[in-house]
Amino acid sequence: MDISGGLTDEDIVVGNIYNKYGARNPFVRFLMRGFDRSLSSLVAGTSARSIHDVGCGEGYWVFHWHGQGLHVRGTDFSSKVIDIARANARMRGVDPRVFETRNIFDMEHGRDDADLIMCLEVLEHLEHPECALHALQRVVNRYVIISVPREPVWRVLNLLRGRYIGALGNTPGHVQHWSCRGFSSLVQRYFDIVEMRAPLPWTMVLCRARRSSLL
């Protein structure tokens, strides 16, 4: 699968700098298996038949769930990374129209909702993550799964593998940094947390829409 490799759009790093999905490093593969197991378990618990991956990047998880027979689509604010996702779709025989260019802040009820909204490794890139969570409230009918890097573990692991030394292990484009507790406190202001997982080095939450947000 092609990745963006550090591509920027409107001065924001989009997609994946490093192809962690196709990594040969045994430790990285171990970490990704942990992420996959946690995410798959949470998705199965929702019994969702339709998924909208908000901030889909190059489309890895869209292809993953498409292969599981689910109705899935992906959106991202960057037309550049959506072009990559569509090219990846064509190589896999997937309809490239499952990918659309759309900003998370422009989510609309009735157009962008699904049984399950996924927002994976997106909020750490945003100057105003609270606005993004508020936008997600508009389209979450049932469930949303959100994941972010778990700090300071994320940066420590980067330093241990000799990456981003000058930035003290901070991945380019990450402007928000949360511990598990800090992130759960933020999310609880917008959704009811059903379950939280901590696959190294991420925080992942399965949330349910609050009844008051649907009125």
N, C-alpha and C. Protein backbone atom coordinates (compact mmCIF):
# COMPACT_ATOMS: atom_id res chain seq x y z
N MET A 1 0.85 -1.19 0.00
CA MET A 1 0.00 0.00 0.00
C MET A 1 0.87 1.23 0.00
N ASP A 2 0.58 2.17 -0.90
CA ASP A 2 1.31 3.42 -0.94
C ASP A 2 0.92 4.29 0.26
N ILE A 3 1.89 4.98 0.84
CA ILE A 3 1.63 5.91 1.94
C ILE A 3 2.13 7.30 1.54
N SER A 4 1.75 8.28 2.35
CA SER A 4 2.10 9.65 2.01
C SER A 4 3.56 9.96 2.28
N GLY A 5 4.14 9.29 3.28
CA GLY A 5 5.57 9.45 3.55
C GLY A 5 5.99 10.83 3.97
N GLY A 6 5.13 11.53 4.71
CA GLY A 6 5.48 12.87 5.19
C GLY A 6 4.91 13.99 4.35
N LEU A 7 4.02 13.67 3.43
CA LEU A 7 3.37 14.68 2.60
C LEU A 7 2.62 15.68 3.48
N THR A 8 2.66 16.95 3.09
CA THR A 8 1.93 17.98 3.83
C THR A 8 0.86 18.59 2.93
N ASP A 9 -0.20 19.05 3.56
CA ASP A 9 -1.30 19.73 2.88
C ASP A 9 -1.75 20.85 3.80
N GLU A 10 -1.69 22.08 3.31
CA GLU A 10 -1.99 23.25 4.14
C GLU A 10 -1.11 23.25 5.40
N ASP A 11 0.14 22.88 5.22
CA ASP A 11 1.15 22.85 6.29
C ASP A 11 0.85 21.82 7.37
N ILE A 12 -0.02 20.85 7.07
CA ILE A 12 -0.34 19.78 8.00
C ILE A 12 0.17 18.47 7.43
N VAL A 13 0.87 17.70 8.25
CA VAL A 13 1.34 16.38 7.82
C VAL A 13 0.14 15.46 7.70
N VAL A 14 -0.02 14.83 6.54
CA VAL A 14 -1.18 13.98 6.29
C VAL A 14 -0.74 12.53 6.11
N GLY A 15 -1.67 11.62 6.39
CA GLY A 15 -1.36 10.21 6.21
C GLY A 15 -0.27 9.75 7.16
N ASN A 16 0.51 8.79 6.71
CA ASN A 16 1.54 8.17 7.53
C ASN A 16 2.94 8.50 7.02
N ILE A 17 3.78 8.96 7.92
CA ILE A 17 5.17 9.21 7.58
C ILE A 17 5.90 7.89 7.37
N TYR A 18 5.56 6.92 8.21
CA TYR A 18 6.23 5.62 8.23
C TYR A 18 5.18 4.53 7.98
N ASN A 19 5.48 3.58 7.12
CA ASN A 19 4.53 2.53 6.81
C ASN A 19 4.51 1.47 7.90
N LYS A 20 3.83 1.79 8.99
CA LYS A 20 3.78 0.86 10.12
C LYS A 20 2.96 -0.39 9.79
N TYR A 21 2.07 -0.28 8.80
CA TYR A 21 1.23 -1.42 8.45
C TYR A 21 2.02 -2.50 7.70
N GLY A 22 3.03 -2.07 6.98
CA GLY A 22 3.84 -3.03 6.23
C GLY A 22 5.25 -3.17 6.77
N ALA A 23 5.44 -2.78 8.04
CA ALA A 23 6.78 -2.79 8.62
C ALA A 23 7.34 -4.20 8.75
N ARG A 24 8.64 -4.33 8.57
CA ARG A 24 9.32 -5.60 8.77
C ARG A 24 9.92 -5.72 10.16
N ASN A 25 10.07 -4.57 10.83
CA ASN A 25 10.62 -4.58 12.18
C ASN A 25 9.73 -5.40 13.10
N PRO A 26 10.27 -6.43 13.77
CA PRO A 26 9.43 -7.31 14.60
C PRO A 26 8.71 -6.58 15.72
N PHE A 27 9.36 -5.56 16.31
CA PHE A 27 8.72 -4.84 17.41
C PHE A 27 7.54 -4.02 16.90
N VAL A 28 7.73 -3.36 15.75
CA VAL A 28 6.63 -2.58 15.18
C VAL A 28 5.47 -3.50 14.81
N ARG A 29 5.77 -4.66 14.26
CA ARG A 29 4.73 -5.63 13.92
C ARG A 29 3.99 -6.10 15.17
N PHE A 30 4.72 -6.27 16.26
CA PHE A 30 4.11 -6.64 17.53
C PHE A 30 3.14 -5.55 18.01
N LEU A 31 3.57 -4.30 17.92
CA LEU A 31 2.71 -3.19 18.34
C LEU A 31 1.46 -3.12 17.48
N MET A 32 1.61 -3.29 16.18
CA MET A 32 0.46 -3.18 15.28
C MET A 32 -0.53 -4.34 15.49
N ARG A 33 -0.02 -5.51 15.85
CA ARG A 33 -0.93 -6.62 16.15
C ARG A 33 -1.77 -6.29 17.38
N GLY A 34 -1.15 -5.64 18.36
CA GLY A 34 -1.89 -5.23 19.55
C GLY A 34 -2.97 -4.21 19.23
N PHE A 35 -2.64 -3.25 18.37
CA PHE A 35 -3.62 -2.25 17.95
C PHE A 35 -4.77 -2.93 17.21
N ASP A 36 -4.43 -3.82 16.28
CA ASP A 36 -5.44 -4.52 15.48
C ASP A 36 -6.37 -5.36 16.36
N ARG A 37 -5.80 -6.08 17.32
CA ARG A 37 -6.63 -6.91 18.20
C ARG A 37 -7.60 -6.06 19.00
N SER A 38 -7.11 -4.96 19.57
CA SER A 38 -7.98 -4.10 20.36
C SER A 38 -9.07 -3.48 19.51
N LEU A 39 -8.70 -2.97 18.34
CA LEU A 39 -9.68 -2.33 17.47
C LEU A 39 -10.71 -3.35 16.98
N SER A 40 -10.25 -4.50 16.55
CA SER A 40 -11.17 -5.52 16.04
C SER A 40 -12.16 -5.96 17.11
N SER A 41 -11.68 -6.09 18.34
CA SER A 41 -12.55 -6.49 19.44
C SER A 41 -13.62 -5.44 19.70
N LEU A 42 -13.24 -4.18 19.69
CA LEU A 42 -14.20 -3.11 19.93
C LEU A 42 -15.22 -3.02 18.81
N VAL A 43 -14.75 -3.14 17.57
CA VAL A 43 -15.66 -3.08 16.43
C VAL A 43 -16.67 -4.22 16.50
N ALA A 44 -16.20 -5.42 16.81
CA ALA A 44 -17.10 -6.58 16.90
C ALA A 44 -18.18 -6.36 17.94
N GLY A 45 -17.84 -5.68 19.03
CA GLY A 45 -18.80 -5.43 20.10
C GLY A 45 -19.91 -4.48 19.72
N THR A 46 -19.71 -3.72 18.65
CA THR A 46 -20.75 -2.77 18.22
C THR A 46 -21.77 -3.40 17.27
N SER A 47 -21.45 -4.55 16.70
CA SER A 47 -22.29 -5.20 15.69
C SER A 47 -22.59 -4.27 14.52
N ALA A 48 -21.69 -3.35 14.23
CA ALA A 48 -21.89 -2.38 13.16
C ALA A 48 -21.84 -3.06 11.80
N ARG A 49 -22.71 -2.61 10.89
CA ARG A 49 -22.67 -3.06 9.51
C ARG A 49 -22.15 -1.97 8.58
N SER A 50 -22.13 -0.73 9.06
CA SER A 50 -21.60 0.37 8.26
C SER A 50 -20.61 1.16 9.10
N ILE A 51 -19.49 1.54 8.48
CA ILE A 51 -18.41 2.26 9.17
C ILE A 51 -17.99 3.46 8.32
N HIS A 52 -17.81 4.58 8.98
CA HIS A 52 -17.24 5.77 8.35
C HIS A 52 -15.93 6.08 9.06
N ASP A 53 -14.83 5.95 8.33
CA ASP A 53 -13.50 6.23 8.87
C ASP A 53 -13.17 7.68 8.58
N VAL A 54 -13.26 8.51 9.61
CA VAL A 54 -13.01 9.94 9.50
C VAL A 54 -11.51 10.21 9.70
N GLY A 55 -10.89 10.83 8.71
CA GLY A 55 -9.44 11.00 8.75
C GLY A 55 -8.75 9.72 8.32
N CYS A 56 -9.21 9.18 7.20
CA CYS A 56 -8.82 7.83 6.79
C CYS A 56 -7.41 7.72 6.25
N GLY A 57 -6.77 8.84 5.94
CA GLY A 57 -5.42 8.76 5.37
C GLY A 57 -5.41 7.99 4.07
N GLU A 58 -4.46 7.07 3.95
CA GLU A 58 -4.29 6.31 2.71
C GLU A 58 -5.27 5.15 2.57
N GLY A 59 -6.10 4.93 3.58
CA GLY A 59 -7.20 3.99 3.44
C GLY A 59 -7.02 2.61 4.04
N TYR A 60 -5.97 2.39 4.83
CA TYR A 60 -5.69 1.04 5.32
C TYR A 60 -6.88 0.41 6.01
N TRP A 61 -7.50 1.11 6.95
CA TRP A 61 -8.60 0.51 7.72
C TRP A 61 -9.88 0.39 6.90
N VAL A 62 -10.06 1.26 5.92
CA VAL A 62 -11.19 1.10 5.01
C VAL A 62 -11.06 -0.23 4.27
N PHE A 63 -9.88 -0.51 3.75
CA PHE A 63 -9.67 -1.78 3.04
C PHE A 63 -9.81 -2.97 3.99
N HIS A 64 -9.35 -2.80 5.22
CA HIS A 64 -9.43 -3.88 6.20
C HIS A 64 -10.88 -4.27 6.45
N TRP A 65 -11.73 -3.29 6.73
CA TRP A 65 -13.13 -3.60 7.05
C TRP A 65 -13.93 -3.93 5.80
N HIS A 66 -13.55 -3.38 4.67
CA HIS A 66 -14.18 -3.77 3.41
C HIS A 66 -13.97 -5.27 3.16
N GLY A 67 -12.77 -5.73 3.50
CA GLY A 67 -12.47 -7.15 3.35
C GLY A 67 -13.25 -8.04 4.30
N GLN A 68 -13.81 -7.44 5.36
CA GLN A 68 -14.63 -8.18 6.31
C GLN A 68 -16.11 -8.17 5.90
N GLY A 69 -16.39 -7.57 4.74
CA GLY A 69 -17.77 -7.57 4.24
C GLY A 69 -18.63 -6.44 4.77
N LEU A 70 -18.02 -5.43 5.41
CA LEU A 70 -18.79 -4.31 5.95
C LEU A 70 -18.92 -3.20 4.90
N HIS A 71 -19.96 -2.41 5.03
CA HIS A 71 -20.13 -1.22 4.18
C HIS A 71 -19.29 -0.12 4.82
N VAL A 72 -18.24 0.29 4.14
CA VAL A 72 -17.29 1.21 4.76
C VAL A 72 -16.88 2.29 3.76
N ARG A 73 -16.62 3.47 4.29
CA ARG A 73 -16.13 4.57 3.47
C ARG A 73 -15.16 5.39 4.29
N GLY A 74 -14.36 6.20 3.61
CA GLY A 74 -13.37 7.01 4.30
C GLY A 74 -13.35 8.44 3.80
N THR A 75 -13.12 9.36 4.72
CA THR A 75 -12.99 10.76 4.35
C THR A 75 -11.74 11.34 5.01
N ASP A 76 -11.20 12.36 4.37
CA ASP A 76 -10.03 13.06 4.91
C ASP A 76 -10.07 14.48 4.35
N PHE A 77 -9.54 15.41 5.12
CA PHE A 77 -9.58 16.80 4.68
C PHE A 77 -8.66 17.03 3.48
N SER A 78 -7.65 16.17 3.33
CA SER A 78 -6.61 16.38 2.32
C SER A 78 -6.95 15.68 1.01
N SER A 79 -7.12 16.46 -0.05
CA SER A 79 -7.35 15.86 -1.36
C SER A 79 -6.12 15.09 -1.83
N LYS A 80 -4.94 15.50 -1.35
CA LYS A 80 -3.70 14.81 -1.74
C LYS A 80 -3.68 13.37 -1.20
N VAL A 81 -4.06 13.21 0.06
CA VAL A 81 -4.03 11.86 0.63
C VAL A 81 -5.21 11.03 0.13
N ILE A 82 -6.33 11.69 -0.19
CA ILE A 82 -7.46 10.96 -0.77
C ILE A 82 -7.09 10.45 -2.17
N ASP A 83 -6.29 11.20 -2.90
CA ASP A 83 -5.81 10.71 -4.21
C ASP A 83 -4.99 9.43 -4.02
N ILE A 84 -4.17 9.40 -2.97
CA ILE A 84 -3.39 8.18 -2.68
C ILE A 84 -4.32 7.04 -2.32
N ALA A 85 -5.31 7.32 -1.47
CA ALA A 85 -6.27 6.29 -1.06
C ALA A 85 -7.01 5.73 -2.27
N ARG A 86 -7.42 6.59 -3.19
CA ARG A 86 -8.14 6.12 -4.37
C ARG A 86 -7.24 5.28 -5.27
N ALA A 87 -5.97 5.67 -5.37
CA ALA A 87 -5.03 4.86 -6.15
C ALA A 87 -4.83 3.49 -5.50
N ASN A 88 -4.74 3.47 -4.16
CA ASN A 88 -4.65 2.20 -3.45
C ASN A 88 -5.90 1.35 -3.68
N ALA A 89 -7.06 2.01 -3.73
CA ALA A 89 -8.32 1.28 -3.96
C ALA A 89 -8.31 0.63 -5.33
N ARG A 90 -7.88 1.36 -6.35
CA ARG A 90 -7.86 0.80 -7.69
C ARG A 90 -6.96 -0.43 -7.76
N MET A 91 -5.84 -0.38 -7.07
CA MET A 91 -4.92 -1.52 -7.08
C MET A 91 -5.54 -2.75 -6.42
N ARG A 92 -6.54 -2.52 -5.53
CA ARG A 92 -7.18 -3.62 -4.81
C ARG A 92 -8.53 -4.01 -5.40
N GLY A 93 -8.91 -3.34 -6.47
CA GLY A 93 -10.21 -3.63 -7.06
C GLY A 93 -11.37 -3.11 -6.24
N VAL A 94 -11.12 -2.09 -5.42
CA VAL A 94 -12.16 -1.46 -4.61
C VAL A 94 -12.60 -0.18 -5.30
N ASP A 95 -13.88 0.11 -5.27
CA ASP A 95 -14.42 1.32 -5.88
C ASP A 95 -13.78 2.54 -5.21
N PRO A 96 -13.01 3.34 -5.95
CA PRO A 96 -12.34 4.50 -5.34
C PRO A 96 -13.31 5.55 -4.81
N ARG A 97 -14.58 5.45 -5.21
CA ARG A 97 -15.56 6.44 -4.74
C ARG A 97 -15.92 6.25 -3.27
N VAL A 98 -15.40 5.17 -2.63
CA VAL A 98 -15.63 5.04 -1.18
C VAL A 98 -14.84 6.10 -0.42
N PHE A 99 -13.92 6.78 -1.11
CA PHE A 99 -13.12 7.83 -0.48
C PHE A 99 -13.57 9.20 -0.97
N GLU A 100 -13.73 10.12 -0.02
CA GLU A 100 -14.14 11.48 -0.35
C GLU A 100 -13.30 12.48 0.45
N THR A 101 -13.08 13.63 -0.16
CA THR A 101 -12.40 14.72 0.54
C THR A 101 -13.41 15.48 1.38
N ARG A 102 -13.19 15.45 2.70
CA ARG A 102 -14.09 16.17 3.59
C ARG A 102 -13.38 16.48 4.90
N ASN A 103 -13.53 17.69 5.37
CA ASN A 103 -12.94 18.10 6.63
C ASN A 103 -13.79 17.59 7.79
N ILE A 104 -13.14 17.12 8.84
CA ILE A 104 -13.87 16.62 10.01
C ILE A 104 -14.82 17.68 10.56
N PHE A 105 -14.45 18.94 10.45
CA PHE A 105 -15.29 20.02 10.98
C PHE A 105 -16.55 20.25 10.16
N ASP A 106 -16.62 19.63 8.97
CA ASP A 106 -17.77 19.81 8.09
C ASP A 106 -18.71 18.62 8.10
N MET A 107 -18.56 17.71 9.08
CA MET A 107 -19.42 16.54 9.16
C MET A 107 -20.89 16.96 9.32
N GLU A 108 -21.79 16.28 8.59
CA GLU A 108 -23.22 16.60 8.64
C GLU A 108 -24.03 15.35 8.92
N HIS A 109 -25.01 15.49 9.81
CA HIS A 109 -25.94 14.40 10.10
C HIS A 109 -26.75 14.08 8.85
N GLY A 110 -26.95 12.79 8.59
CA GLY A 110 -27.69 12.37 7.42
C GLY A 110 -26.82 12.11 6.21
N ARG A 111 -25.68 12.78 6.14
CA ARG A 111 -24.76 12.57 5.03
C ARG A 111 -23.57 11.73 5.46
N ASP A 112 -23.08 11.96 6.68
CA ASP A 112 -21.83 11.36 7.10
C ASP A 112 -21.96 10.35 8.23
N ASP A 113 -23.19 10.11 8.72
CA ASP A 113 -23.34 9.19 9.83
C ASP A 113 -23.25 7.74 9.35
N ALA A 114 -23.04 6.83 10.31
CA ALA A 114 -22.93 5.39 10.06
C ALA A 114 -23.17 4.69 11.38
N ASP A 115 -23.32 3.36 11.33
CA ASP A 115 -23.45 2.62 12.58
C ASP A 115 -22.29 2.90 13.52
N LEU A 116 -21.08 2.99 12.92
CA LEU A 116 -19.86 3.21 13.69
C LEU A 116 -19.01 4.26 12.99
N ILE A 117 -18.64 5.29 13.73
CA ILE A 117 -17.68 6.28 13.26
C ILE A 117 -16.32 5.92 13.85
N MET A 118 -15.30 5.89 13.03
CA MET A 118 -13.94 5.69 13.53
C MET A 118 -13.13 6.95 13.27
N CYS A 119 -12.34 7.34 14.26
CA CYS A 119 -11.47 8.50 14.14
C CYS A 119 -10.14 8.10 14.78
N LEU A 120 -9.27 7.51 13.98
CA LEU A 120 -8.06 6.87 14.48
C LEU A 120 -6.83 7.73 14.19
N GLU A 121 -6.15 8.12 15.25
CA GLU A 121 -4.90 8.89 15.14
C GLU A 121 -5.10 10.16 14.30
N VAL A 122 -6.12 10.90 14.68
CA VAL A 122 -6.45 12.15 14.00
C VAL A 122 -6.32 13.34 14.95
N LEU A 123 -6.89 13.22 16.14
CA LEU A 123 -7.01 14.38 17.03
C LEU A 123 -5.67 14.97 17.45
N GLU A 124 -4.63 14.14 17.50
CA GLU A 124 -3.32 14.66 17.91
C GLU A 124 -2.75 15.65 16.90
N HIS A 125 -3.32 15.68 15.69
CA HIS A 125 -2.84 16.58 14.64
C HIS A 125 -3.57 17.93 14.64
N LEU A 126 -4.58 18.07 15.48
CA LEU A 126 -5.46 19.24 15.39
C LEU A 126 -5.18 20.26 16.48
N GLU A 127 -5.18 21.52 16.08
CA GLU A 127 -5.00 22.60 17.05
C GLU A 127 -6.20 22.70 18.00
N HIS A 128 -7.39 22.33 17.51
CA HIS A 128 -8.60 22.46 18.31
C HIS A 128 -9.36 21.12 18.31
N PRO A 129 -8.86 20.13 19.03
CA PRO A 129 -9.53 18.82 19.05
C PRO A 129 -10.94 18.87 19.63
N GLU A 130 -11.20 19.83 20.52
CA GLU A 130 -12.55 19.94 21.09
C GLU A 130 -13.57 20.24 20.00
N CYS A 131 -13.19 21.06 19.02
CA CYS A 131 -14.10 21.37 17.92
C CYS A 131 -14.37 20.13 17.08
N ALA A 132 -13.35 19.29 16.91
CA ALA A 132 -13.53 18.05 16.15
C ALA A 132 -14.47 17.10 16.88
N LEU A 133 -14.33 16.99 18.19
CA LEU A 133 -15.22 16.12 18.96
C LEU A 133 -16.66 16.63 18.89
N HIS A 134 -16.82 17.93 18.94
CA HIS A 134 -18.15 18.52 18.81
C HIS A 134 -18.73 18.20 17.43
N ALA A 135 -17.91 18.25 16.39
CA ALA A 135 -18.36 17.93 15.04
C ALA A 135 -18.76 16.46 14.95
N LEU A 136 -18.00 15.59 15.59
CA LEU A 136 -18.33 14.17 15.57
C LEU A 136 -19.67 13.89 16.25
N GLN A 137 -20.01 14.69 17.26
CA GLN A 137 -21.31 14.51 17.92
C GLN A 137 -22.47 14.59 16.93
N ARG A 138 -22.30 15.38 15.88
CA ARG A 138 -23.39 15.56 14.92
C ARG A 138 -23.68 14.30 14.12
N VAL A 139 -22.70 13.40 13.98
CA VAL A 139 -22.86 12.26 13.07
C VAL A 139 -22.81 10.91 13.77
N VAL A 140 -22.57 10.90 15.09
CA VAL A 140 -22.52 9.63 15.81
C VAL A 140 -23.93 9.26 16.26
N ASN A 141 -24.53 8.31 15.55
CA ASN A 141 -25.85 7.83 15.94
C ASN A 141 -25.77 6.80 17.05
N ARG A 142 -24.75 5.95 16.97
CA ARG A 142 -24.61 4.86 17.93
C ARG A 142 -23.24 4.90 18.60
N TYR A 143 -22.20 4.53 17.84
CA TYR A 143 -20.88 4.37 18.43
C TYR A 143 -19.81 5.14 17.67
N VAL A 144 -18.75 5.48 18.41
CA VAL A 144 -17.55 6.03 17.81
C VAL A 144 -16.35 5.41 18.51
N ILE A 145 -15.32 5.09 17.73
CA ILE A 145 -14.04 4.62 18.27
C ILE A 145 -13.00 5.67 17.93
N ILE A 146 -12.29 6.12 18.95
CA ILE A 146 -11.26 7.15 18.78
C ILE A 146 -9.96 6.62 19.37
N SER A 147 -8.87 6.82 18.65
CA SER A 147 -7.56 6.45 19.19
C SER A 147 -6.58 7.60 19.00
N VAL A 148 -5.66 7.71 19.95
CA VAL A 148 -4.58 8.70 19.89
C VAL A 148 -3.32 8.06 20.46
N PRO A 149 -2.14 8.58 20.15
CA PRO A 149 -0.93 8.11 20.80
C PRO A 149 -0.98 8.34 22.30
N ARG A 150 -0.46 7.39 23.05
CA ARG A 150 -0.44 7.52 24.52
C ARG A 150 0.91 8.10 24.93
N GLU A 151 0.85 9.27 25.53
CA GLU A 151 2.05 9.96 25.97
C GLU A 151 2.28 9.80 27.47
N PRO A 152 3.54 9.81 27.91
CA PRO A 152 4.76 10.04 27.10
C PRO A 152 5.33 8.77 26.47
N VAL A 153 4.60 7.66 26.56
CA VAL A 153 5.13 6.38 26.05
C VAL A 153 5.48 6.48 24.58
N TRP A 154 4.62 7.14 23.79
CA TRP A 154 4.85 7.25 22.35
C TRP A 154 6.21 7.86 22.05
N ARG A 155 6.50 8.99 22.69
CA ARG A 155 7.76 9.68 22.42
C ARG A 155 8.95 8.89 22.95
N VAL A 156 8.78 8.23 24.07
CA VAL A 156 9.87 7.42 24.61
C VAL A 156 10.24 6.30 23.64
N LEU A 157 9.24 5.65 23.07
CA LEU A 157 9.51 4.57 22.11
C LEU A 157 10.18 5.11 20.85
N ASN A 158 9.78 6.29 20.41
CA ASN A 158 10.46 6.90 19.27
C ASN A 158 11.92 7.16 19.57
N LEU A 159 12.20 7.67 20.76
CA LEU A 159 13.59 7.94 21.14
C LEU A 159 14.40 6.64 21.23
N LEU A 160 13.78 5.59 21.73
CA LEU A 160 14.49 4.31 21.86
C LEU A 160 14.87 3.73 20.51
N ARG A 161 14.09 4.05 19.48
CA ARG A 161 14.45 3.55 18.15
C ARG A 161 15.20 4.62 17.33
N GLY A 162 15.62 5.69 18.02
CA GLY A 162 16.47 6.69 17.40
C GLY A 162 15.77 7.62 16.44
N ARG A 163 14.47 7.85 16.64
CA ARG A 163 13.71 8.70 15.74
C ARG A 163 13.33 10.02 16.40
N TYR A 164 13.39 11.10 15.62
CA TYR A 164 12.95 12.44 16.02
C TYR A 164 13.65 12.90 17.31
N ILE A 165 14.94 12.66 17.37
CA ILE A 165 15.72 13.00 18.56
C ILE A 165 15.63 14.50 18.87
N GLY A 166 15.77 15.32 17.84
CA GLY A 166 15.75 16.77 18.05
C GLY A 166 14.42 17.28 18.56
N ALA A 167 13.35 16.52 18.31
CA ALA A 167 12.02 16.90 18.77
C ALA A 167 11.62 16.12 20.02
N LEU A 168 12.61 15.52 20.68
CA LEU A 168 12.38 14.73 21.89
C LEU A 168 11.37 13.62 21.65
N GLY A 169 11.47 13.00 20.46
CA GLY A 169 10.63 11.85 20.15
C GLY A 169 9.25 12.19 19.61
N ASN A 170 8.96 13.47 19.44
CA ASN A 170 7.62 13.85 18.95
C ASN A 170 7.52 13.64 17.45
N THR A 171 6.54 12.86 17.02
CA THR A 171 6.32 12.61 15.60
C THR A 171 5.91 13.90 14.91
N PRO A 172 6.49 14.21 13.74
CA PRO A 172 6.09 15.43 13.03
C PRO A 172 4.59 15.49 12.82
N GLY A 173 4.03 16.66 13.12
CA GLY A 173 2.60 16.86 12.95
C GLY A 173 1.78 16.66 14.20
N HIS A 174 2.37 16.07 15.24
CA HIS A 174 1.63 15.88 16.49
C HIS A 174 1.71 17.15 17.32
N VAL A 175 0.55 17.77 17.53
CA VAL A 175 0.51 19.02 18.30
C VAL A 175 -0.26 18.86 19.60
N GLN A 176 -0.86 17.70 19.82
CA GLN A 176 -1.55 17.40 21.08
C GLN A 176 -0.92 16.14 21.68
N HIS A 177 -0.88 16.10 23.01
CA HIS A 177 -0.24 14.98 23.71
C HIS A 177 -1.05 14.65 24.95
N TRP A 178 -1.59 13.40 24.99
CA TRP A 178 -2.46 13.01 26.09
C TRP A 178 -2.00 11.72 26.76
N SER A 179 -2.13 11.68 28.07
CA SER A 179 -2.07 10.41 28.80
C SER A 179 -3.43 9.73 28.65
N CYS A 180 -3.53 8.47 29.09
CA CYS A 180 -4.83 7.78 29.06
C CYS A 180 -5.88 8.56 29.84
N ARG A 181 -5.51 8.99 31.04
CA ARG A 181 -6.46 9.71 31.89
C ARG A 181 -6.85 11.05 31.28
N GLY A 182 -5.86 11.76 30.75
CA GLY A 182 -6.14 13.07 30.16
C GLY A 182 -7.06 12.96 28.95
N PHE A 183 -6.83 11.93 28.13
CA PHE A 183 -7.66 11.78 26.95
C PHE A 183 -9.08 11.36 27.31
N SER A 184 -9.21 10.43 28.24
CA SER A 184 -10.55 9.99 28.63
C SER A 184 -11.35 11.15 29.25
N SER A 185 -10.66 12.01 30.00
CA SER A 185 -11.34 13.17 30.58
C SER A 185 -11.87 14.11 29.50
N LEU A 186 -11.09 14.28 28.44
CA LEU A 186 -11.53 15.12 27.33
C LEU A 186 -12.74 14.50 26.62
N VAL A 187 -12.65 13.23 26.28
CA VAL A 187 -13.70 12.58 25.51
C VAL A 187 -15.01 12.52 26.29
N GLN A 188 -14.92 12.33 27.60
CA GLN A 188 -16.13 12.22 28.43
C GLN A 188 -16.98 13.48 28.42
N ARG A 189 -16.41 14.58 27.99
CA ARG A 189 -17.19 15.81 27.88
C ARG A 189 -18.15 15.77 26.69
N TYR A 190 -17.93 14.80 25.78
CA TYR A 190 -18.73 14.76 24.55
C TYR A 190 -19.47 13.44 24.34
N PHE A 191 -18.93 12.35 24.89
CA PHE A 191 -19.52 11.02 24.68
C PHE A 191 -19.47 10.22 25.98
N ASP A 192 -20.28 9.17 26.02
CA ASP A 192 -20.20 8.21 27.13
C ASP A 192 -19.22 7.11 26.74
N ILE A 193 -18.17 6.95 27.52
CA ILE A 193 -17.17 5.93 27.22
C ILE A 193 -17.69 4.58 27.67
N VAL A 194 -17.77 3.64 26.72
CA VAL A 194 -18.22 2.29 26.99
C VAL A 194 -17.05 1.41 27.42
N GLU A 195 -15.92 1.58 26.74
CA GLU A 195 -14.76 0.76 27.04
C GLU A 195 -13.51 1.49 26.60
N MET A 196 -12.43 1.33 27.36
CA MET A 196 -11.15 1.92 27.00
C MET A 196 -10.10 0.83 26.92
N ARG A 197 -9.28 0.88 25.90
CA ARG A 197 -8.17 -0.05 25.73
C ARG A 197 -6.88 0.77 25.66
N ALA A 198 -5.77 0.11 25.97
CA ALA A 198 -4.48 0.78 25.94
C ALA A 198 -3.44 -0.10 25.27
N PRO A 199 -3.65 -0.46 23.99
CA PRO A 199 -2.61 -1.21 23.28
C PRO A 199 -1.36 -0.34 23.13
N LEU A 200 -0.23 -0.84 23.54
CA LEU A 200 1.01 -0.07 23.50
C LEU A 200 1.31 0.36 22.06
N PRO A 201 1.56 1.68 21.81
CA PRO A 201 1.52 2.84 22.71
C PRO A 201 0.35 3.78 22.39
N TRP A 202 -0.86 3.28 22.44
CA TRP A 202 -2.04 4.08 22.10
C TRP A 202 -3.05 4.08 23.25
N THR A 203 -3.95 5.05 23.19
CA THR A 203 -5.18 5.03 23.97
C THR A 203 -6.33 4.91 22.98
N MET A 204 -7.24 3.98 23.24
CA MET A 204 -8.35 3.72 22.32
C MET A 204 -9.64 3.64 23.13
N VAL A 205 -10.65 4.38 22.71
CA VAL A 205 -11.92 4.38 23.45
C VAL A 205 -13.07 4.06 22.52
N LEU A 206 -13.97 3.22 23.00
CA LEU A 206 -15.26 2.99 22.35
C LEU A 206 -16.28 3.81 23.10
N CYS A 207 -16.99 4.67 22.39
CA CYS A 207 -17.95 5.58 23.03
C CYS A 207 -19.32 5.43 22.40
N ARG A 208 -20.32 5.81 23.19
CA ARG A 208 -21.70 5.81 22.73
C ARG A 208 -22.20 7.25 22.71
N ALA A 209 -23.02 7.56 21.72
CA ALA A 209 -23.60 8.89 21.65
C ALA A 209 -24.50 9.12 22.86
N ARG A 210 -24.42 10.29 23.42
CA ARG A 210 -25.30 10.64 24.53
C ARG A 210 -26.68 10.97 24.01
N ARG A 211 -27.70 10.53 24.74
CA ARG A 211 -29.08 10.79 24.32
C ARG A 211 -29.32 12.28 24.12
N SER A 212 -28.75 13.09 25.00
CA SER A 212 -28.98 14.54 24.91
C SER A 212 -28.42 15.11 23.62
N SER A 213 -27.34 14.48 23.07
CA SER A 213 -26.72 15.00 21.86
C SER A 213 -27.54 14.65 20.62
N LEU A 214 -28.52 13.74 20.78
CA LEU A 214 -29.34 13.32 19.66
C LEU A 214 -30.65 14.09 19.58
N LEU A 215 -30.94 14.88 20.61
CA LEU A 215 -32.22 15.59 20.65
C LEU A 215 -32.17 16.85 19.79
